[in-house]
Structure formats: C-alpha cells, structure tokens
C-alpha atoms as a PDB file:
ATOM      1  CA  MET A   1      45.580  92.695 116.633  1.00  0.00           C
ATOM      2  CA  ALA A   2      47.879  93.388 113.833  1.00  0.00           C
ATOM      3  CA  TYR A   3      47.571  97.233 114.329  1.00  0.00           C
ATOM      4  CA  TYR A   4      48.632  96.841 117.946  1.00  0.00           C
ATOM      5  CA  GLU A   5      51.643  94.823 116.854  1.00  0.00           C
ATOM      6  CA  HIS A   6      52.614  97.389 114.250  1.00  0.00           C
ATOM      7  CA  ILE A   7      52.620 100.484 116.603  1.00  0.00           C
ATOM      8  CA  LYS A   8      54.228  98.632 119.297  1.00  0.00           C
ATOM      9  CA  ASN A   9      57.040  97.311 117.069  1.00  0.00           C
ATOM     10  CA  SER A  10      57.503 100.809 115.659  1.00  0.00           C
ATOM     11  CA  PHE A  11      57.741 102.296 119.292  1.00  0.00           C
ATOM     12  CA  GLY A  12      60.086  99.566 120.335  1.00  0.00           C
ATOM     13  CA  THR A  13      62.560 100.322 117.480  1.00  0.00           C
ATOM     14  CA  LEU A  14      62.466 104.140 118.423  1.00  0.00           C
ATOM     15  CA  TYR A  15      62.707 103.465 122.132  1.00  0.00           C
ATOM     16  CA  GLU A  16      65.622 101.391 121.783  1.00  0.00           C
ATOM     17  CA  GLU A  17      67.355 103.950 119.701  1.00  0.00           C
ATOM     18  CA  GLY A  18      66.598 106.621 122.402  1.00  0.00           C
ATOM     19  CA  GLN A  19      68.000 104.346 124.922  1.00  0.00           C
ATOM     20  CA  ASN A  20      71.152 104.368 122.970  1.00  0.00           C
ATOM     21  CA  GLY A  21      71.491 108.185 122.645  1.00  0.00           C
ATOM     22  CA  GLN A  22      69.322 108.722 119.721  1.00  0.00           C
ATOM     23  CA  PRO A  23      66.281 110.372 121.042  1.00  0.00           C
ATOM     24  CA  ALA A  24      63.127 110.318 118.477  1.00  0.00           C
ATOM     25  CA  PHE A  25      59.452 110.940 118.437  1.00  0.00           C
ATOM     26  CA  MET A  26      56.505 108.918 117.194  1.00  0.00           C
ATOM     27  CA  THR A  27      53.468 110.271 115.740  1.00  0.00           C
ATOM     28  CA  VAL A  28      50.248 108.030 115.839  1.00  0.00           C
ATOM     29  CA  THR A  29      47.592 109.355 113.301  1.00  0.00           C
ATOM     30  CA  LEU A  30      44.098 108.492 114.125  1.00  0.00           C
ATOM     31  CA  HIS A  31      41.874 108.693 111.153  1.00  0.00           C
ATOM     32  CA  ALA A  32      38.101 108.109 111.928  1.00  0.00           C
ATOM     33  CA  ARG A  33      37.670 105.782 108.898  1.00  0.00           C
ATOM     34  CA  MET A  34      40.557 103.649 110.394  1.00  0.00           C
ATOM     35  CA  LEU A  35      40.308 103.669 113.908  1.00  0.00           C
ATOM     36  CA  GLY A  36      36.844 105.136 114.446  1.00  0.00           C
ATOM     37  CA  ARG A  37      35.358 101.627 114.846  1.00  0.00           C
ATOM     38  CA  PRO A  38      34.467 100.201 118.155  1.00  0.00           C
ATOM     39  CA  GLY A  39      36.517  97.061 117.356  1.00  0.00           C
ATOM     40  CA  ARG A  40      40.006  98.805 116.656  1.00  0.00           C
ATOM     41  CA  PHE A  41      39.836 101.003 119.703  1.00  0.00           C
ATOM     42  CA  PRO A  42      41.187  98.491 122.223  1.00  0.00           C
ATOM     43  CA  ALA A  43      44.595  98.454 120.041  1.00  0.00           C
ATOM     44  CA  ILE A  44      44.950 102.256 120.816  1.00  0.00           C
ATOM     45  CA  LYS A  45      44.078 101.758 124.391  1.00  0.00           C
ATOM     46  CA  GLN A  46      46.371  98.970 124.961  1.00  0.00           C
ATOM     47  CA  PHE A  47      49.340 100.785 123.229  1.00  0.00           C
ATOM     48  CA  VAL A  48      48.907 103.977 125.555  1.00  0.00           C
ATOM     49  CA  GLU A  49      48.772 101.671 128.408  1.00  0.00           C
ATOM     50  CA  TYR A  50      52.066  99.981 126.997  1.00  0.00           C
ATOM     51  CA  ILE A  51      54.046 103.155 126.406  1.00  0.00           C
ATOM     52  CA  THR A  52      52.912 105.108 129.306  1.00  0.00           C
ATOM     53  CA  ASN A  53      54.633 102.370 131.639  1.00  0.00           C
ATOM     54  CA  LYS A  54      58.180 102.915 129.997  1.00  0.00           C
ATOM     55  CA  PRO A  55      60.503 105.348 131.689  1.00  0.00           C
ATOM     56  CA  ASP A  56      61.423 108.330 129.798  1.00  0.00           C
ATOM     57  CA  VAL A  57      58.539 108.501 127.448  1.00  0.00           C
ATOM     58  CA  TRP A  58      56.471 111.646 126.992  1.00  0.00           C
ATOM     59  CA  VAL A  59      52.857 111.492 125.677  1.00  0.00           C
ATOM     60  CA  ALA A  60      52.243 114.990 124.151  1.00  0.00           C
ATOM     61  CA  THR A  61      49.902 116.626 121.894  1.00  0.00           C
ATOM     62  CA  ARG A  62      51.423 118.464 118.909  1.00  0.00           C
ATOM     63  CA  GLU A  63      50.808 121.771 120.708  1.00  0.00           C
ATOM     64  CA  GLU A  64      52.592 120.640 123.625  1.00  0.00           C
ATOM     65  CA  ILE A  65      55.496 119.737 121.497  1.00  0.00           C
ATOM     66  CA  THR A  66      55.565 123.082 119.691  1.00  0.00           C
ATOM     67  CA  TRP A  67      55.732 124.989 122.919  1.00  0.00           C
ATOM     68  CA  HIS A  68      58.413 122.654 124.533  1.00  0.00           C
END
C-alpha cells in the first residue's frame, strides 16, 4: 500500500512537528481518477482510522476550518 505509507509518513512528520510546538494541517485530496477505485479505498480507510486514534488531531472539512 504505497499510497497509505506516503500519507501516513506525511502525517507523521507534521504530527511530530505539532507535538514540538509547531502546529500544522494536512490536506488529503481525493481525486476520483486516483482513489475512485475499489482497490484503493482501503488505504484511505486505514489512514482515517490511524489518525483518529491520535490525540490532538482534528479531522475537519474545509468549511469547518473556515469557520473555526
């Protein structure tokens, strides 16, 4: 699951920086041509499960971020 490892590693770097006092945000773009295939969905599902189990992580829509 190369895609999962890529987004997990990206998140890990940003999460570590946030724990050191440098909060950040990460956008995961979901293009139908890239992830709109059944075989690629498990990577997104696994990633969301991974990040929602981390403390101090807010999973939000762009609209929620705008109004925050």
